[in-house]
Protein backbone atom coordinates (compact mmCIF):
# COMPACT_ATOMS: atom_id res chain seq x y z
CA MET A 1 0.00 0.00 0.00
CA SER A 2 1.25 3.51 -0.81
CA ASP A 3 2.76 5.40 2.14
CA PHE A 4 0.69 8.44 1.19
CA GLY A 5 -2.61 6.61 0.70
CA ALA A 6 -5.47 8.65 -0.74
CA LEU A 7 -3.30 11.78 -0.62
CA SER A 8 -1.42 10.41 -3.62
CA LEU A 9 -4.55 11.06 -5.73
CA ILE A 10 -4.55 14.80 -5.05
CA PRO A 11 -1.78 16.04 -7.42
CA PRO A 12 -2.96 14.39 -10.67
CA LEU A 13 -6.66 14.96 -9.98
CA LEU A 14 -6.02 18.60 -9.05
CA ALA A 15 -4.01 19.16 -12.23
CA ILE A 16 -6.59 17.47 -14.44
CA GLY A 17 -9.57 19.18 -12.80
CA LEU A 18 -8.02 22.64 -12.95
CA ALA A 19 -6.91 22.16 -16.56
CA ILE A 20 -10.40 21.19 -17.73
CA ALA A 21 -12.14 23.87 -15.64
CA THR A 22 -9.79 26.80 -16.38
CA ARG A 23 -8.45 25.79 -19.83
CA ARG A 24 -4.98 26.75 -18.56
CA PRO A 25 -2.98 23.52 -18.72
CA MET A 26 0.45 24.91 -17.84
CA LEU A 27 -0.68 26.63 -14.64
CA SER A 28 -2.83 23.65 -13.67
CA LEU A 29 -0.02 21.16 -14.20
CA PHE A 30 2.43 23.28 -12.21
CA LEU A 31 -0.01 23.57 -9.30
CA GLY A 32 -0.56 19.81 -9.38
CA ILE A 33 3.20 19.19 -9.26
CA TRP A 34 3.64 21.70 -6.46
CA SER A 35 0.84 20.11 -4.41
CA GLY A 36 2.62 16.78 -4.79
CA ALA A 37 5.84 18.33 -3.54
CA VAL A 38 4.01 19.75 -0.51
CA ILE A 39 2.60 16.30 0.28
CA HIS A 40 5.94 14.59 -0.27
CA THR A 41 8.08 16.99 1.78
CA GLY A 42 5.54 18.20 4.32
CA GLY A 43 6.69 21.78 3.67
CA LEU A 44 6.50 24.39 0.91
CA GLY A 45 8.00 21.94 -1.59
CA ILE A 46 9.35 24.57 -4.01
CA ALA A 47 12.78 22.95 -4.29
CA GLN A 48 11.22 19.51 -4.76
CA THR A 49 8.93 20.89 -7.47
CA PHE A 50 11.81 22.09 -9.63
CA ASP A 51 13.88 18.99 -8.89
CA TRP A 52 11.03 16.87 -10.26
CA ILE A 53 10.70 19.05 -13.38
CA VAL A 54 14.41 18.73 -14.14
CA ALA A 55 14.36 14.98 -13.42
CA ALA A 56 11.40 14.50 -15.79
CA ILE A 57 13.50 15.89 -18.65
CA ILE A 58 16.73 14.08 -17.87
CA VAL A 59 15.58 10.49 -17.44
CA ASP A 60 18.18 7.74 -17.39
CA ASP A 61 18.11 6.78 -21.06
CA GLY A 62 17.58 10.30 -22.39
CA PHE A 63 14.26 9.31 -23.96
CA HIS A 64 12.42 12.49 -22.97
CA VAL A 65 15.24 14.71 -24.20
CA GLN A 66 15.14 12.89 -27.53
CA ILE A 67 11.37 13.43 -27.82
CA LEU A 68 11.85 17.14 -27.09
CA VAL A 69 14.54 17.44 -29.79
CA PHE A 70 12.31 15.59 -32.23
CA THR A 71 9.37 17.88 -31.43
CA LEU A 72 11.46 21.03 -31.95
CA LEU A 73 12.95 19.75 -35.21
CA LEU A 74 9.52 18.76 -36.47
CA GLY A 75 8.35 22.29 -35.68
CA SER A 76 11.15 23.54 -37.92
CA GLY A 77 10.12 21.13 -40.66
CA VAL A 78 6.52 22.35 -40.47
CA ALA A 79 7.73 25.97 -40.52
CA LEU A 80 9.84 25.35 -43.63
CA ILE A 81 6.97 23.66 -45.46
CA TRP A 82 4.73 26.60 -44.57
CA ARG A 83 7.34 29.15 -45.73
CA LEU A 84 7.87 27.29 -49.02
CA GLY A 85 4.16 27.51 -49.84
CA GLY A 86 3.50 23.82 -49.29
CA ALA A 87 0.34 24.60 -47.35
CA ILE A 88 -0.99 26.69 -50.22
CA ALA A 89 -0.27 23.88 -52.68
CA VAL A 90 -2.08 21.35 -50.50
CA ARG A 91 -5.01 23.72 -50.10
CA ASN A 92 -5.25 24.15 -53.86
CA TRP A 93 -5.01 20.39 -54.37
CA ALA A 94 -7.71 19.73 -51.77
CA THR A 95 -10.03 22.21 -53.44
CA GLU A 96 -9.58 20.43 -56.76
CA ASN A 97 -9.66 16.81 -55.60
CA LEU A 98 -11.45 16.37 -52.28
CA ARG A 99 -15.20 16.88 -52.29
CA SER A 100 -16.21 16.54 -48.66
CA GLN A 101 -15.27 16.51 -45.02
CA ARG A 102 -16.03 12.78 -45.06
CA ALA A 103 -13.29 12.21 -47.64
CA VAL A 104 -10.77 14.13 -45.52
CA GLY A 105 -11.85 12.33 -42.34
CA LEU A 106 -11.64 8.88 -43.92
CA THR A 107 -8.23 9.72 -45.40
CA THR A 108 -6.96 10.83 -41.99
CA TRP A 109 -8.40 7.70 -40.39
CA GLY A 110 -6.75 5.49 -43.01
CA LEU A 111 -3.39 7.21 -42.58
CA GLY A 112 -3.65 6.77 -38.81
CA ILE A 113 -4.18 3.04 -39.27
CA LEU A 114 -1.27 2.74 -41.72
CA MET A 115 1.17 4.49 -39.34
CA PHE A 116 1.08 1.58 -36.89
CA PHE A 117 4.76 1.43 -35.98
CA ASP A 118 4.91 4.22 -33.36
CA ASP A 119 2.31 6.46 -31.73
CA TYR A 120 4.53 9.58 -31.58
CA ALA A 121 5.42 9.32 -35.26
CA ASN A 122 1.76 8.62 -36.03
CA THR A 123 0.51 11.83 -34.39
CA ALA A 124 3.29 13.91 -35.94
CA ILE A 125 2.97 12.63 -39.49
CA VAL A 126 -0.81 12.35 -39.73
CA GLY A 127 -1.56 15.57 -37.85
CA SER A 128 0.96 17.65 -39.80
CA THR A 129 0.00 16.12 -43.16
CA MET A 130 -3.77 16.51 -42.84
CA ARG A 131 -4.04 19.83 -41.00
CA GLU A 132 -4.05 22.12 -44.04
CA ILE A 133 -6.39 19.86 -46.01
CA SER A 134 -8.76 19.70 -43.04
CA ASP A 135 -8.70 23.48 -42.68
CA GLU A 136 -9.55 23.90 -46.34
CA LEU A 137 -12.67 21.77 -45.98
CA ARG A 138 -13.58 23.36 -42.63
CA VAL A 139 -13.00 20.31 -40.47
CA SER A 140 -12.52 21.62 -36.94
CA ARG A 141 -9.09 21.22 -35.36
CA GLU A 142 -10.83 19.42 -32.49
CA LYS A 143 -12.16 16.80 -34.91
CA LEU A 144 -8.76 16.36 -36.54
CA ALA A 145 -7.08 15.95 -33.14
CA TYR A 146 -9.68 13.35 -32.17
CA ILE A 147 -9.11 11.29 -35.32
CA VAL A 148 -5.33 11.48 -34.88
CA ASP A 149 -5.36 10.65 -31.15
CA SER A 150 -7.90 7.84 -31.37
CA THR A 151 -5.95 5.97 -34.03
CA ALA A 152 -2.36 6.49 -32.78
CA ALA A 153 -2.15 4.45 -29.55
CA PRO A 154 -4.94 1.95 -30.39
CA VAL A 155 -3.26 1.03 -33.68
CA ALA A 156 0.22 0.90 -32.13
CA THR A 157 -0.95 -1.52 -29.45
CA LEU A 158 -2.25 -3.96 -32.08
CA GLY A 159 0.36 -3.87 -34.87
CA ILE A 160 4.06 -4.56 -35.23
CA SER A 161 5.35 -1.77 -33.03
CA SER A 162 7.42 -0.81 -30.01
CA TRP A 163 4.20 -1.03 -27.96
CA VAL A 164 3.75 -4.72 -28.74
CA ALA A 165 7.37 -5.47 -27.89
CA PHE A 166 6.91 -3.74 -24.53
CA GLN A 167 3.71 -5.68 -23.88
CA LEU A 168 5.43 -8.98 -24.67
CA SER A 169 8.22 -8.17 -22.24
CA LEU A 170 5.66 -7.46 -19.49
CA ILE A 171 3.91 -10.80 -20.04
CA SER A 172 7.10 -12.87 -20.08
CA THR A 173 8.49 -11.06 -17.01
CA ALA A 174 5.24 -11.64 -15.11
CA TYR A 175 5.41 -15.38 -15.88
CA GLU A 176 9.02 -15.52 -14.69
CA ASP A 177 8.28 -13.59 -11.47
CA MET A 178 5.40 -15.98 -10.70
CA GLY A 179 7.65 -18.98 -11.23
CA VAL A 180 5.40 -20.48 -13.93
CA ALA A 181 7.47 -19.67 -17.03
CA SER A 182 8.12 -23.35 -17.78
CA GLU A 183 4.42 -24.26 -17.87
CA ALA A 184 3.02 -20.96 -19.17
CA PRO A 185 2.11 -20.48 -22.81
CA ASN A 186 4.46 -18.47 -25.01
CA ALA A 187 4.26 -14.71 -24.29
CA PHE A 188 3.58 -14.02 -27.97
CA TRP A 189 0.73 -16.53 -27.99
CA THR A 190 -0.71 -14.93 -24.84
CA PHE A 191 -0.55 -11.53 -26.51
CA VAL A 192 -2.26 -12.78 -29.68
CA ARG A 193 -5.09 -14.28 -27.62
CA SER A 194 -5.41 -10.98 -25.71
CA ILE A 195 -6.04 -8.92 -28.87
CA PRO A 196 -9.84 -9.52 -28.98
CA TYR A 197 -10.00 -8.47 -25.31
CA ASN A 198 -8.11 -5.27 -26.09
CA THR A 199 -11.62 -4.22 -26.90
CA TYR A 200 -11.25 -0.50 -26.28
CA ALA A 201 -8.47 -0.22 -28.88
CA LEU A 202 -10.47 -2.15 -31.49
CA LEU A 203 -13.72 -0.27 -30.88
CA ALA A 204 -12.00 3.13 -30.61
CA ILE A 205 -10.66 2.64 -34.14
CA ALA A 206 -14.12 1.57 -35.30
CA MET A 207 -15.69 4.56 -33.52
CA VAL A 208 -13.56 7.00 -35.54
CA GLY A 209 -14.73 5.38 -38.76
CA ILE A 210 -18.38 5.51 -37.66
CA VAL A 211 -18.23 9.18 -36.64
CA VAL A 212 -16.40 10.24 -39.80
CA TYR A 213 -18.50 8.21 -42.22
CA THR A 214 -21.89 9.15 -40.75
CA GLY A 215 -20.97 12.80 -40.19
CA ARG A 216 -22.74 12.65 -36.82
CA ASP A 217 -21.35 14.37 -33.73
CA TYR A 218 -22.47 15.08 -30.18
CA GLY A 219 -21.22 16.84 -27.10
CA GLU A 220 -18.82 19.74 -27.56
CA MET A 221 -17.64 18.21 -30.84
CA LEU A 222 -21.05 18.97 -32.36
CA ASP A 223 -20.59 22.64 -31.42
CA ALA A 224 -17.03 22.66 -32.76
CA GLU A 225 -18.02 21.13 -36.10
CA HIS A 226 -21.02 23.46 -36.48
CA ARG A 227 -18.79 26.48 -35.75
CA SER A 228 -16.17 25.34 -38.24
CA ARG A 229 -18.64 24.57 -41.04
CA THR A 230 -20.66 27.75 -40.71
CA THR A 231 -17.94 30.30 -39.92
CA GLY A 232 -14.72 28.73 -41.18
CA ALA A 233 -13.16 29.12 -37.70
CA VAL A 234 -11.36 25.80 -37.25
CA ASN A 235 -10.51 26.78 -33.66
CA ARG A 236 -12.89 28.49 -31.27
CA GLU A 237 -12.42 32.17 -30.47
CA GLY A 238 -9.97 32.49 -27.60
CA ALA A 239 -8.46 29.04 -28.17
CA GLN A 240 -4.75 28.57 -27.53
CA PRO A 241 -3.46 26.09 -30.10
CA LEU A 242 -0.23 24.39 -29.12
CA GLN A 243 1.10 25.14 -32.60
CA LYS A 244 0.18 28.45 -34.26
CA VAL A 245 1.87 28.30 -37.65
CA GLU A 246 -0.14 31.03 -39.33
CA GLU A 247 0.22 33.56 -36.50
CA ASP A 248 3.87 32.93 -35.67
CA LEU A 249 5.37 32.55 -39.16
CA GLY A 250 3.57 35.19 -41.18
CA GLU A 251 2.75 34.93 -44.87
CA PRO A 252 4.23 32.03 -46.88
CA ILE A 253 5.98 32.35 -50.24
CA ASP A 254 3.15 32.09 -52.76
CA GLU A 255 5.08 32.56 -56.02
CA ARG A 256 5.14 28.90 -57.03
CA PRO A 257 3.10 26.68 -54.69
CA MET A 258 4.15 23.08 -55.42
CA LEU A 259 2.92 19.87 -53.84
CA ARG A 260 6.48 18.54 -53.74
CA THR A 261 7.40 21.23 -51.21
CA PHE A 262 4.90 19.58 -48.87
CA PHE A 263 5.05 15.88 -49.61
CA ALA A 264 8.79 15.46 -50.29
CA PRO A 265 9.89 16.53 -46.77
CA VAL A 266 7.12 14.40 -45.22
CA ALA A 267 8.20 11.39 -47.32
CA VAL A 268 11.79 11.93 -46.16
CA LEU A 269 10.60 12.06 -42.54
CA ILE A 270 8.73 8.75 -42.88
CA GLY A 271 11.43 6.99 -44.89
CA VAL A 272 14.39 7.97 -42.72
CA THR A 273 12.52 7.33 -39.46
CA LEU A 274 11.41 3.84 -40.50
CA GLY A 275 14.72 2.96 -42.10
CA ARG A 276 16.78 4.07 -39.10
CA ALA A 277 14.46 2.40 -36.58
CA PHE A 278 14.43 -0.97 -38.33
CA TRP A 279 18.18 -0.86 -38.97
CA THR A 280 19.00 -0.24 -35.30
CA GLY A 281 16.48 -2.90 -34.29
CA TYR A 282 17.98 -5.43 -36.68
CA GLN A 283 21.53 -4.76 -35.50
CA THR A 284 20.59 -5.10 -31.81
CA TRP A 285 18.56 -8.23 -32.54
CA GLN A 286 21.51 -9.79 -34.37
CA SER A 287 23.79 -9.07 -31.41
CA SER A 288 21.38 -10.59 -28.90
CA GLN A 289 20.91 -13.65 -31.12
CA ALA A 290 24.68 -14.11 -31.42
CA GLU A 291 25.12 -13.92 -27.63
CA THR A 292 22.72 -16.84 -27.15
CA GLY A 293 24.02 -18.84 -30.11
CA ALA A 294 20.75 -18.45 -32.02
CA PRO A 295 20.57 -17.81 -35.80
CA THR A 296 21.47 -14.23 -36.74
CA SER A 297 19.60 -14.05 -40.04
CA ILE A 298 15.85 -13.56 -40.25
CA GLY A 299 15.34 -16.54 -42.57
CA ALA A 300 17.24 -18.93 -40.30
CA ALA A 301 15.43 -17.65 -37.20
CA ILE A 302 12.00 -18.50 -38.62
CA GLU A 303 10.94 -21.97 -37.52
CA GLY A 304 7.83 -24.15 -37.79
CA ASP A 305 6.42 -27.20 -39.50
CA GLY A 306 3.17 -25.77 -40.82
CA ALA A 307 2.07 -22.51 -42.41
CA VAL A 308 0.54 -21.25 -39.16
CA ASP A 309 3.71 -21.97 -37.19
CA VAL A 310 5.83 -20.20 -39.79
CA LEU A 311 3.48 -17.20 -39.75
CA PHE A 312 3.64 -16.89 -35.96
CA SER A 313 7.40 -17.40 -35.97
CA THR A 314 7.82 -14.68 -38.62
CA LEU A 315 5.66 -12.25 -36.66
CA GLN A 316 7.61 -13.04 -33.50
CA VAL A 317 10.93 -12.28 -35.22
CA LEU A 318 9.60 -9.03 -36.69
CA ILE A 319 8.23 -7.91 -33.33
CA ASP A 320 11.55 -8.79 -31.67
CA ILE A 321 13.36 -6.62 -34.21
CA VAL A 322 10.90 -3.74 -33.79
CA GLY A 323 11.15 -4.12 -30.03
CA GLU A 324 14.90 -3.61 -30.24
CA ALA A 325 14.51 -0.57 -32.51
CA ALA A 326 15.50 2.80 -31.07
CA PHE A 327 12.49 4.83 -32.19
CA ALA A 328 13.31 8.07 -30.35
CA PRO A 329 16.72 8.53 -32.05
CA ALA A 330 15.12 7.42 -35.34
CA LEU A 331 12.54 10.19 -35.00
CA ILE A 332 15.35 12.71 -34.50
CA TRP A 333 17.10 11.43 -37.63
CA GLY A 334 13.84 11.60 -39.57
CA SER A 335 12.89 15.11 -38.46
CA PHE A 336 16.44 16.39 -39.09
CA ALA A 337 16.38 14.85 -42.58
CA MET A 338 13.01 16.53 -43.12
CA VAL A 339 14.52 19.92 -42.26
CA VAL A 340 17.52 19.35 -44.55
CA ALA A 341 15.26 18.22 -47.41
CA ALA A 342 13.01 21.29 -47.04
CA ILE A 343 15.98 23.68 -47.01
CA ALA A 344 17.46 21.93 -50.07
CA ILE A 345 14.14 22.30 -51.92
CA GLY A 346 13.92 25.98 -51.00
CA ILE A 347 17.45 26.71 -52.20
CA GLY A 348 17.17 24.45 -55.26
CA TYR A 349 14.05 26.21 -56.51
CA GLY A 350 15.35 29.66 -55.61
CA LEU A 351 12.60 30.29 -53.08
CA PHE A 352 15.00 31.43 -50.34
CA ASP A 353 18.71 31.40 -49.47
CA ILE A 354 20.48 29.50 -46.70
CA GLY A 355 20.15 32.44 -44.30
CA ASN A 356 16.36 32.56 -44.67
CA GLY A 357 16.23 28.80 -44.28
CA VAL A 358 18.11 28.91 -40.98
CA ASP A 359 15.91 31.77 -39.74
CA THR A 360 12.84 29.67 -40.51
CA VAL A 361 14.33 26.71 -38.62
CA ILE A 362 14.70 28.91 -35.53
CA ASP A 363 11.16 30.27 -35.99
CA GLY A 364 9.99 26.65 -36.09
CA PHE A 365 11.50 26.03 -32.67
CA GLY A 366 9.40 28.93 -31.40
CA ILE A 367 6.05 27.51 -32.52
CA MET A 368 6.71 24.40 -30.42
CA LEU A 369 7.66 26.07 -27.12
CA THR A 370 4.16 25.90 -25.62
CA ALA A 371 3.81 22.24 -26.54
CA VAL A 372 7.26 21.40 -25.19
CA THR A 373 6.49 23.16 -21.89
CA ILE A 374 3.22 21.27 -21.42
CA LEU A 375 4.90 18.01 -22.40
CA VAL A 376 7.59 18.48 -19.74
CA LEU A 377 5.00 19.34 -17.07
CA ALA A 378 2.88 16.32 -18.08
CA TRP A 379 5.89 14.03 -17.69
CA THR A 380 6.59 15.64 -14.32
CA ILE A 381 3.09 15.10 -12.93
CA SER A 382 3.41 11.46 -13.99
CA SER A 383 6.67 11.24 -12.00
CA VAL A 384 4.91 12.81 -9.02
CA ALA A 385 2.17 10.16 -9.16
CA GLU A 386 4.80 7.45 -9.41
CA THR A 387 6.76 8.84 -6.45
CA LEU A 388 3.67 9.11 -4.26
CA GLY A 389 2.50 5.63 -5.26
CA THR A 390 -0.80 6.64 -6.88
CA GLY A 391 -0.97 3.56 -9.11
CA GLU A 392 -0.10 1.10 -6.35
CA PHE A 393 -2.73 2.65 -4.06
CA VAL A 394 -5.51 2.31 -6.65
CA ALA A 395 -4.51 -1.24 -7.59
CA ASN A 396 -4.36 -2.40 -3.96
CA VAL A 397 -7.72 -0.83 -3.11
CA ALA A 398 -9.44 -2.61 -6.00
CA GLU A 399 -7.78 -6.03 -5.65
CA PRO A 400 -10.05 -7.45 -2.86
CA TYR A 401 -13.20 -6.82 -4.92
CA ILE A 402 -12.15 -8.80 -7.99
CA THR A 403 -14.08 -11.94 -8.97
CA ALA A 404 -13.65 -14.21 -11.99
CA GLU A 405 -16.78 -12.80 -13.68
CA LEU A 406 -15.91 -9.18 -12.97
CA LEU A 407 -12.18 -9.59 -13.58
CA PRO A 408 -11.98 -7.83 -16.96
CA VAL A 409 -14.27 -4.96 -15.88
CA LEU A 410 -12.42 -4.26 -12.64
CA VAL A 411 -9.01 -4.54 -14.30
CA LEU A 412 -10.29 -2.20 -17.02
CA PHE A 413 -11.38 0.42 -14.47
CA VAL A 414 -8.20 0.18 -12.42
CA ALA A 415 -5.98 0.55 -15.50
CA ALA A 416 -8.13 3.41 -16.81
CA PHE A 417 -7.98 5.33 -13.53
CA VAL A 418 -4.24 4.81 -13.13
CA ALA A 419 -3.60 5.97 -16.73
CA PHE A 420 -5.94 8.94 -16.27
CA THR A 421 -4.11 10.11 -13.14
CA MET A 422 -0.57 9.28 -14.28
CA GLY A 423 -0.97 10.37 -17.90
CA SER A 424 1.05 7.42 -19.18
CA SER A 425 -0.34 4.25 -20.70
CA TRP A 426 3.11 2.61 -20.67
CA ALA A 427 3.59 3.30 -16.95
CA THR A 428 0.09 1.94 -16.34
CA MET A 429 0.74 -1.23 -18.30
CA GLY A 430 4.05 -1.72 -16.50
CA LEU A 431 2.36 -1.34 -13.12
CA VAL A 432 -0.96 -3.14 -13.58
CA THR A 433 -0.05 -5.99 -15.97
CA PRO A 434 1.92 -8.10 -13.43
CA ILE A 435 -0.85 -7.72 -10.83
CA ALA A 436 -3.59 -8.55 -13.35
CA ILE A 437 -1.77 -11.64 -14.65
CA ARG A 438 -1.23 -12.96 -11.12
CA ILE A 439 -4.89 -12.45 -10.18
CA ALA A 440 -6.13 -13.98 -13.45
CA TYR A 441 -3.95 -17.04 -12.85
CA GLU A 442 -5.35 -17.46 -9.33
CA PHE A 443 -9.01 -17.04 -10.34
CA GLY A 444 -8.93 -18.89 -13.63
CA ASN A 445 -8.39 -22.48 -14.62
CA GLY A 446 -4.64 -22.21 -15.12
CA PHE A 447 -3.87 -19.58 -17.77
CA GLU A 448 -7.40 -19.39 -19.20
CA LEU A 449 -8.16 -15.86 -17.93
CA VAL A 450 -4.68 -14.40 -18.45
CA PRO A 451 -5.29 -13.15 -22.04
CA VAL A 452 -8.58 -11.59 -20.88
CA ALA A 453 -6.83 -9.71 -18.07
CA VAL A 454 -3.97 -8.60 -20.34
CA GLY A 455 -6.40 -7.25 -22.93
CA ALA A 456 -8.33 -5.42 -20.21
CA VAL A 457 -5.15 -3.77 -18.93
CA PHE A 458 -4.26 -2.51 -22.39
CA SER A 459 -7.83 -1.32 -23.00
CA GLY A 460 -8.00 0.61 -19.73
CA ALA A 461 -4.54 2.12 -20.22
CA ILE A 462 -5.43 3.49 -23.64
CA PHE A 463 -8.79 4.86 -22.48
CA GLY A 464 -7.13 6.65 -19.56
CA ASP A 465 -4.57 8.01 -22.00
CA HIS A 466 -7.34 9.38 -24.25
CA ALA A 467 -9.27 10.91 -21.37
CA SER A 468 -6.35 12.62 -19.65
CA PRO A 469 -5.03 16.11 -20.49
CA ILE A 470 -1.69 15.16 -18.91
CA SER A 471 -1.03 12.32 -21.37
CA ASP A 472 1.92 12.86 -23.71
CA THR A 473 0.09 11.43 -26.74
CA THR A 474 -2.89 13.68 -25.99
CA VAL A 475 -0.56 16.69 -25.88
CA LEU A 476 1.21 15.70 -29.11
CA SER A 477 -2.05 14.97 -30.94
CA ALA A 478 -3.29 18.47 -30.09
CA THR A 479 0.11 19.93 -31.00
CA PHE A 480 0.47 18.48 -34.47
CA SER A 481 -3.22 19.02 -35.26
CA GLY A 482 -2.94 22.67 -34.22
CA ALA A 483 -5.70 22.34 -31.61
CA ASP A 484 -6.19 23.75 -28.14
CA LEU A 485 -5.22 20.98 -25.70
CA ILE A 486 -8.21 21.31 -23.38
CA ASP A 487 -10.63 21.72 -26.28
CA HIS A 488 -9.25 18.46 -27.65
CA VAL A 489 -9.78 16.69 -24.33
CA ARG A 490 -13.29 18.06 -23.82
CA THR A 491 -14.43 17.09 -27.33
CA GLN A 492 -12.78 13.66 -27.36
CA LEU A 493 -13.91 12.59 -23.88
CA PRO A 494 -17.60 11.90 -24.76
CA TYR A 495 -16.52 9.67 -27.65
CA ALA A 496 -13.97 7.82 -25.51
CA ALA A 497 -16.58 7.39 -22.75
CA THR A 498 -19.08 5.99 -25.26
CA VAL A 499 -16.57 3.39 -26.40
CA MET A 500 -15.72 2.60 -22.76
CA PHE A 501 -19.42 2.04 -22.00
CA VAL A 502 -19.70 -0.47 -24.84
CA VAL A 503 -16.47 -2.20 -23.73
CA VAL A 504 -17.96 -2.73 -20.24
CA ILE A 505 -21.08 -4.31 -21.78
CA CYS A 506 -18.89 -6.62 -23.89
CA TYR A 507 -16.85 -7.67 -20.85
CA LEU A 508 -19.98 -8.34 -18.76
CA LEU A 509 -21.45 -10.48 -21.55
CA ASN A 510 -18.21 -12.42 -21.64
CA GLY A 511 -17.87 -12.78 -17.88
CA TYR A 512 -21.44 -13.73 -16.98
CA LEU A 513 -22.82 -15.32 -20.17
CA GLY A 514 -19.62 -16.63 -21.76
CA VAL A 515 -20.17 -14.66 -24.99
CA SER A 516 -16.97 -14.93 -27.04
CA PRO A 517 -15.25 -11.99 -28.81
CA LEU A 518 -16.43 -13.48 -32.10
CA PHE A 519 -19.90 -12.27 -31.13
CA PHE A 520 -19.38 -9.37 -28.70
CA LEU A 521 -17.03 -7.41 -30.99
CA PRO A 522 -19.55 -7.15 -33.89
CA LEU A 523 -22.25 -6.43 -31.31
CA GLY A 524 -20.04 -3.67 -29.90
CA VAL A 525 -19.72 -2.05 -33.33
CA LEU A 526 -23.51 -2.17 -33.81
CA LEU A 527 -24.01 -0.62 -30.37
CA LEU A 528 -21.61 2.18 -31.28
CA VAL A 529 -23.53 2.89 -34.48
CA ALA A 530 -26.80 3.04 -32.54
CA LEU A 531 -25.34 5.22 -29.78
CA VAL A 532 -23.74 7.66 -32.21
CA ARG A 533 -27.03 8.03 -34.04
CA GLY A 534 -29.11 8.38 -30.87
CA LEU A 535 -26.77 10.76 -29.05
CA SER A 536 -26.29 12.95 -32.12
CA GLU A 537 -30.06 13.24 -32.64
CA PHE A 538 -30.68 14.00 -28.96
CA ASP A 539 -27.89 16.59 -28.67
CA ALA A 540 -28.70 18.24 -31.99
CA ASN A 541 -32.38 18.60 -31.07
CA ARG A 542 -31.40 20.02 -27.67
CA LYS A 543 -29.11 22.60 -29.32
CA ASP A 544 -31.34 23.21 -32.35
CA LEU A 545 -28.61 22.10 -34.76
CA GLU A 546 -28.48 19.65 -37.64
CA PRO A 547 -27.45 16.17 -36.40
CA VAL A 548 -25.72 15.21 -39.66
CA ALA A 549 -22.81 17.26 -40.97
CA THR A 550 -23.30 19.02 -44.28
CA ASP A 551 -20.72 20.58 -46.57
CA PRO A 552 -22.28 23.91 -47.60
CA VAL A 553 -19.02 25.49 -48.74
CA PHE A 554 -17.97 22.65 -51.00
CA ASP A 555 -21.46 21.94 -52.23
CA THR A 556 -21.32 25.52 -53.50
CA VAL A 557 -17.87 25.04 -54.98
CA GLU A 558 -19.00 21.89 -56.75
CA SER A 559 -22.05 23.76 -58.06
CA ASP A 560 -19.81 26.53 -59.39
CA ARG A 561 -17.59 23.96 -61.09
CA GLN A 562 -20.61 22.35 -62.73
CA SER A 563 -21.91 25.77 -63.87
CA ASP A 564 -18.53 26.55 -65.44
CA ALA A 565 -18.51 23.18 -67.18
CA ASP A 566 -22.05 23.71 -68.52
CA SER A 567 -21.09 27.17 -69.75
CA THR A 568 -18.06 25.75 -71.54
CA ASP A 569 -20.20 23.06 -73.18
CA ARG A 570 -22.68 25.69 -74.43
CA ASN A 571 -19.88 27.89 -75.81
CA GLU A 572 -18.42 24.94 -77.66
């Protein structure tokens, strides 16, 4: 049990509550950190507050510093693309080729699913790529941030990514600590069986598709979308976007807007990041294989008698390689290459000289300062919760109430609350997974309930991540989408809560009636469709708004195009 007991809940809950109520995340986070220092030291805690902030930046492996460098360099890349007129070119292309908000939303959703290898890279690439196109078709920044955020972590926790490698390590370590490694199923097999029970991730991805395709919204997102469609204001008046490209960088060069000035640097970012990550992963994997005397080539490492065995063995090898990949340094390499490519394009086409390019790089650092500050404070409040034992307190309080039937629901709630208060899904998974596996082993028939518990941990961790304004992926999603952080949280929360409600129903059906994922997952999707329709109708009627999004601006544009075409036909 935590030495500080229920007091350990005060700092994160204070920070989150103040941030949502006041819309001032930096002040709220600082006050939350300071309150934790007061509790920890029993005095004013000022020195402890700043010690924690510094410690949150300089972690042992330098991971946070690397993410900060990547964020600043990406800001420079975005600034260069803006200065080169890439945003204008994309806007012109969108006007010519994309007909609706639905098309933009589905494209963003699809990109989010394709960028499965890392959640940070996902938010950066998809948010930065789709922001200008979304603005052109009057998709609110809140909606864009929701689509980006609700595909990044859910997709990463299901595909071949650093997330999966981390999850596999947690499962295998838990088996070893329990002393059952020799009789336990393979960690990879346990993970595969847990995927259907990672129900929040699966349904959150489906929820984005439902909302985008139907054009139905509710809660504050309905207000945001109505504002954006009718006024063209993609952010609300008074919003404080974490990245303000237009305001901070001035007018772009509009002499020769070219799509290559936008897509070439982004392609370099993706290519270099992936290439560097997989290369470092492969090298480290080879070294670890050599140390144990195992085969050091991918082909020789793949084993199995049948097609299924070979498939699982191949996936295991790929996940091992990805797990060894150094994604944070790879992101730095990719963002630096993006900056170099953008400067080279600017000089090559005579759009600016090297001096103007360097000035733009520095300006790009500036547009990221707010985001970087909030990111550091969010990491710090997570450290405060860890120091005070918030997660351990919540887990220990809930443990006596767990039964076999309620196991997934209670594990889900514990993981969600821990992630919500700590702002870190990885920290939550690291803390709750060993406890959940042990309890599932004790309550179940051997290892029968372990995949269920593992999936519930991952589901709760991702939900808490989505609901919390102190989550790093929430901050980065708002940053690269150009949205106000608290507006993003307030508009995303009703959608995340809807998915969570359906997940609980699915788990209860499984626990009490034995309904398998083969049936409760499709049922969950149908429930989401019904809830989205019902909630959008109810909220729209209450606010006297249209429940289904329309595209008045681009309906008009399309009409103008058709009129021009008819006129041309008559003249001919």
